[in-house]
Amino acid sequence: MQVFMSVGQDEIVYPLDKQRSWITVSGEEYIKAVVSEGRVIGAVLIGDTDMEETFENLILNKLDISRIEDSLLDPDIDIEDYFDW
């Protein structure tokens, strides 16, 4: 199944110098996450990533991910385990 999802908050302006992006490409999947001040502010997911709900919750709930920010897209880490939805 081909899935494309892009989520983010467009009503808020974040300084470019405080944003970090991570990109991972695996087979037919592409994930890009944009983080500013310890919070995910946007994401692009292409393919069957199974991470759509996770990123939606991270963005909408403005959860602080600073403790796992550097391993956000590490495939060996299940980031859902870090948060109680």
C-alpha atoms as a PDB file:
ATOM      1  CA  MET A   1       0.000   0.000   0.000  1.00  0.00           C
ATOM      2  CA  GLN A   2       1.317   3.444  -0.905  1.00  0.00           C
ATOM      3  CA  VAL A   3       0.874   5.973   1.876  1.00  0.00           C
ATOM      4  CA  PHE A   4       1.843   9.626   1.910  1.00  0.00           C
ATOM      5  CA  MET A   5       1.381  11.810   4.959  1.00  0.00           C
ATOM      6  CA  SER A   6       2.585  15.279   5.823  1.00  0.00           C
ATOM      7  CA  VAL A   7       1.655  16.842   9.144  1.00  0.00           C
ATOM      8  CA  GLY A   8       2.712  19.942  10.976  1.00  0.00           C
ATOM      9  CA  GLN A   9       1.651  23.170  12.532  1.00  0.00           C
ATOM     10  CA  ASP A  10       1.582  25.949   9.992  1.00  0.00           C
ATOM     11  CA  GLU A  11       0.136  28.659  12.202  1.00  0.00           C
ATOM     12  CA  ILE A  12       3.313  28.920  14.278  1.00  0.00           C
ATOM     13  CA  VAL A  13       6.566  30.355  12.959  1.00  0.00           C
ATOM     14  CA  TYR A  14       9.758  28.701  14.187  1.00  0.00           C
ATOM     15  CA  PRO A  15      13.187  30.263  13.644  1.00  0.00           C
ATOM     16  CA  LEU A  16      15.144  28.276  11.044  1.00  0.00           C
ATOM     17  CA  ASP A  17      18.287  28.321  13.165  1.00  0.00           C
ATOM     18  CA  LYS A  18      16.479  26.368  15.897  1.00  0.00           C
ATOM     19  CA  GLN A  19      15.151  23.608  13.652  1.00  0.00           C
ATOM     20  CA  ARG A  20      16.723  20.209  13.074  1.00  0.00           C
ATOM     21  CA  SER A  21      15.693  17.697  10.453  1.00  0.00           C
ATOM     22  CA  TRP A  22      16.197  13.959  10.317  1.00  0.00           C
ATOM     23  CA  ILE A  23      15.704  11.880   7.218  1.00  0.00           C
ATOM     24  CA  THR A  24      15.658   8.122   6.901  1.00  0.00           C
ATOM     25  CA  VAL A  25      15.143   6.090   3.746  1.00  0.00           C
ATOM     26  CA  SER A  26      14.561   2.365   4.015  1.00  0.00           C
ATOM     27  CA  GLY A  27      13.469   0.357   1.004  1.00  0.00           C
ATOM     28  CA  GLU A  28      10.235   2.020  -0.036  1.00  0.00           C
ATOM     29  CA  GLU A  29       9.855   4.194   3.057  1.00  0.00           C
ATOM     30  CA  TYR A  30      10.874   7.818   3.592  1.00  0.00           C
ATOM     31  CA  ILE A  31      10.554   9.690   6.873  1.00  0.00           C
ATOM     32  CA  LYS A  32      11.534  13.278   7.541  1.00  0.00           C
ATOM     33  CA  ALA A  33      10.964  14.825  10.959  1.00  0.00           C
ATOM     34  CA  VAL A  34      11.471  18.496  11.771  1.00  0.00           C
ATOM     35  CA  VAL A  35      12.203  19.311  15.415  1.00  0.00           C
ATOM     36  CA  SER A  36      12.393  22.727  17.035  1.00  0.00           C
ATOM     37  CA  GLU A  37      13.201  23.370  20.689  1.00  0.00           C
ATOM     38  CA  GLY A  38      12.712  19.714  21.630  1.00  0.00           C
ATOM     39  CA  ARG A  39       9.344  19.282  19.931  1.00  0.00           C
ATOM     40  CA  VAL A  40       8.357  17.729  16.601  1.00  0.00           C
ATOM     41  CA  ILE A  41       6.804  20.503  14.516  1.00  0.00           C
ATOM     42  CA  GLY A  42       6.424  18.654  11.216  1.00  0.00           C
ATOM     43  CA  ALA A  43       6.916  15.361   9.442  1.00  0.00           C
ATOM     44  CA  VAL A  44       6.744  13.808   5.995  1.00  0.00           C
ATOM     45  CA  LEU A  45       6.080  10.077   5.803  1.00  0.00           C
ATOM     46  CA  ILE A  46       5.997   8.183   2.519  1.00  0.00           C
ATOM     47  CA  GLY A  47       5.308   4.460   2.340  1.00  0.00           C
ATOM     48  CA  ASP A  48       3.947   2.057   4.916  1.00  0.00           C
ATOM     49  CA  THR A  49       5.916   3.419   7.897  1.00  0.00           C
ATOM     50  CA  ASP A  50       3.456   2.569  10.709  1.00  0.00           C
ATOM     51  CA  MET A  51       4.512   5.860  12.339  1.00  0.00           C
ATOM     52  CA  GLU A  52       1.679   8.138  11.217  1.00  0.00           C
ATOM     53  CA  GLU A  53      -0.206   8.099  14.518  1.00  0.00           C
ATOM     54  CA  THR A  54       2.991   8.469  16.526  1.00  0.00           C
ATOM     55  CA  PHE A  55       4.065  11.608  14.699  1.00  0.00           C
ATOM     56  CA  GLU A  56       0.545  13.016  14.761  1.00  0.00           C
ATOM     57  CA  ASN A  57       0.471  12.620  18.556  1.00  0.00           C
ATOM     58  CA  LEU A  58       3.953  14.090  18.984  1.00  0.00           C
ATOM     59  CA  ILE A  59       2.977  17.162  16.974  1.00  0.00           C
ATOM     60  CA  LEU A  60      -0.546  17.754  18.263  1.00  0.00           C
ATOM     61  CA  ASN A  61       0.346  17.129  21.917  1.00  0.00           C
ATOM     62  CA  LYS A  62       3.583  19.163  21.615  1.00  0.00           C
ATOM     63  CA  LEU A  63       5.451  16.505  23.575  1.00  0.00           C
ATOM     64  CA  ASP A  64       9.013  17.203  24.655  1.00  0.00           C
ATOM     65  CA  ILE A  65      11.276  14.687  22.902  1.00  0.00           C
ATOM     66  CA  SER A  66      14.595  16.244  23.875  1.00  0.00           C
ATOM     67  CA  ARG A  67      15.708  13.117  25.765  1.00  0.00           C
ATOM     68  CA  ILE A  68      15.304  10.942  22.649  1.00  0.00           C
ATOM     69  CA  GLU A  69      15.784  13.580  19.948  1.00  0.00           C
ATOM     70  CA  ASP A  70      19.021  12.155  18.564  1.00  0.00           C
ATOM     71  CA  SER A  71      17.516   8.672  18.190  1.00  0.00           C
ATOM     72  CA  LEU A  72      14.082   9.770  16.964  1.00  0.00           C
ATOM     73  CA  LEU A  73      14.295   7.850  13.680  1.00  0.00           C
ATOM     74  CA  ASP A  74      16.513   4.997  14.869  1.00  0.00           C
ATOM     75  CA  PRO A  75      14.791   1.832  13.566  1.00  0.00           C
ATOM     76  CA  ASP A  76      16.007  -0.152  16.587  1.00  0.00           C
ATOM     77  CA  ILE A  77      14.076   2.078  18.997  1.00  0.00           C
ATOM     78  CA  ASP A  78      10.302   2.016  19.363  1.00  0.00           C
ATOM     79  CA  ILE A  79       9.566   5.636  20.270  1.00  0.00           C
ATOM     80  CA  GLU A  80       5.977   4.739  21.206  1.00  0.00           C
ATOM     81  CA  ASP A  81       7.431   3.071  24.320  1.00  0.00           C
ATOM     82  CA  TYR A  82       8.590   6.470  25.597  1.00  0.00           C
ATOM     83  CA  PHE A  83       5.148   8.045  25.669  1.00  0.00           C
ATOM     84  CA  ASP A  84       1.858   7.202  27.345  1.00  0.00           C
ATOM     85  CA  TRP A  85      -0.785   8.228  24.826  1.00  0.00           C
END
